[in-house]
Amino acid sequence: MTADKEATAADWRELARRIQKEDDPEKVLELVQQLIVKFNEERRRKGLSTTRKLESPLD
């Protein structure tokens, strides 16, 4: 794993830990938004879509 990949993984893991420990709902929301940004950055870096396709239960 390259240093860049390790840094990204460490970033989102640290954000997840902070979210779990945070008591302030507004701060939790802020941290979750940061986590989503990190997640999307990682998916873009891997060449994956950042949007999820909704599956119809009728398909």
C-alpha atoms as a PDB file:
ATOM      1  CA  MET A   1       0.000   0.000   0.000  1.00  0.00           C
ATOM      2  CA  THR A   2       1.394   3.409  -0.919  1.00  0.00           C
ATOM      3  CA  ALA A   3       1.719   6.254   1.576  1.00  0.00           C
ATOM      4  CA  ASP A   4      -1.176   8.090  -0.121  1.00  0.00           C
ATOM      5  CA  LYS A   5      -3.480   5.073   0.198  1.00  0.00           C
ATOM      6  CA  GLU A   6      -2.455   4.561   3.830  1.00  0.00           C
ATOM      7  CA  ALA A   7      -3.116   8.230   4.610  1.00  0.00           C
ATOM      8  CA  THR A   8      -6.584   8.092   3.047  1.00  0.00           C
ATOM      9  CA  ALA A   9      -7.468   4.894   4.918  1.00  0.00           C
ATOM     10  CA  ALA A  10      -6.156   6.352   8.163  1.00  0.00           C
ATOM     11  CA  ASP A  11      -8.126   9.572   7.572  1.00  0.00           C
ATOM     12  CA  TRP A  12     -11.497   7.877   7.177  1.00  0.00           C
ATOM     13  CA  ARG A  13     -10.809   5.474  10.039  1.00  0.00           C
ATOM     14  CA  GLU A  14      -9.919   8.349  12.341  1.00  0.00           C
ATOM     15  CA  LEU A  15     -13.086  10.196  11.295  1.00  0.00           C
ATOM     16  CA  ALA A  16     -15.138   7.064  12.037  1.00  0.00           C
ATOM     17  CA  ARG A  17     -13.594   6.818  15.515  1.00  0.00           C
ATOM     18  CA  ARG A  18     -14.304  10.473  16.193  1.00  0.00           C
ATOM     19  CA  ILE A  19     -17.924  10.047  15.077  1.00  0.00           C
ATOM     20  CA  GLN A  20     -18.388   7.141  17.489  1.00  0.00           C
ATOM     21  CA  LYS A  21     -17.089   9.172  20.434  1.00  0.00           C
ATOM     22  CA  GLU A  22     -18.735  12.513  19.639  1.00  0.00           C
ATOM     23  CA  ASP A  23     -21.674  13.613  21.817  1.00  0.00           C
ATOM     24  CA  ASP A  24     -22.596  16.818  19.993  1.00  0.00           C
ATOM     25  CA  PRO A  25     -25.117  16.006  17.213  1.00  0.00           C
ATOM     26  CA  GLU A  26     -24.009  18.985  15.114  1.00  0.00           C
ATOM     27  CA  LYS A  27     -20.376  17.908  15.334  1.00  0.00           C
ATOM     28  CA  VAL A  28     -21.398  14.336  14.422  1.00  0.00           C
ATOM     29  CA  LEU A  29     -23.120  15.667  11.301  1.00  0.00           C
ATOM     30  CA  GLU A  30     -20.031  17.692  10.374  1.00  0.00           C
ATOM     31  CA  LEU A  31     -17.770  14.656  10.841  1.00  0.00           C
ATOM     32  CA  VAL A  32     -20.109  12.421   8.821  1.00  0.00           C
ATOM     33  CA  GLN A  33     -20.016  14.917   5.971  1.00  0.00           C
ATOM     34  CA  GLN A  34     -16.205  14.834   6.086  1.00  0.00           C
ATOM     35  CA  LEU A  35     -16.312  11.032   6.106  1.00  0.00           C
ATOM     36  CA  ILE A  36     -18.518  11.011   3.000  1.00  0.00           C
ATOM     37  CA  VAL A  37     -16.045  13.295   1.222  1.00  0.00           C
ATOM     38  CA  LYS A  38     -13.158  10.946   2.116  1.00  0.00           C
ATOM     39  CA  PHE A  39     -15.184   7.937   0.972  1.00  0.00           C
ATOM     40  CA  ASN A  40     -15.972   9.573  -2.377  1.00  0.00           C
ATOM     41  CA  GLU A  41     -12.329  10.613  -2.839  1.00  0.00           C
ATOM     42  CA  GLU A  42     -11.241   7.026  -2.275  1.00  0.00           C
ATOM     43  CA  ARG A  43     -13.813   5.664  -4.735  1.00  0.00           C
ATOM     44  CA  ARG A  44     -12.793   8.223  -7.384  1.00  0.00           C
ATOM     45  CA  ARG A  45      -9.147   7.362  -6.840  1.00  0.00           C
ATOM     46  CA  LYS A  46      -9.983   3.703  -7.395  1.00  0.00           C
ATOM     47  CA  GLY A  47     -11.998   4.569 -10.501  1.00  0.00           C
ATOM     48  CA  LEU A  48     -15.318   3.579  -8.954  1.00  0.00           C
ATOM     49  CA  SER A  49     -18.607   5.427  -9.157  1.00  0.00           C
ATOM     50  CA  THR A  50     -19.442   7.751  -6.273  1.00  0.00           C
ATOM     51  CA  THR A  51     -23.171   7.291  -6.778  1.00  0.00           C
ATOM     52  CA  ARG A  52     -25.114   4.213  -5.886  1.00  0.00           C
ATOM     53  CA  LYS A  53     -27.519   2.624  -8.313  1.00  0.00           C
ATOM     54  CA  LEU A  54     -30.875   1.957  -6.753  1.00  0.00           C
ATOM     55  CA  GLU A  55     -32.183  -1.506  -7.367  1.00  0.00           C
ATOM     56  CA  SER A  56     -35.860  -2.034  -7.946  1.00  0.00           C
ATOM     57  CA  PRO A  57     -37.343  -4.933  -5.962  1.00  0.00           C
ATOM     58  CA  LEU A  58     -39.249  -5.837  -9.158  1.00  0.00           C
ATOM     59  CA  ASP A  59     -36.075  -6.438 -11.204  1.00  0.00           C
END
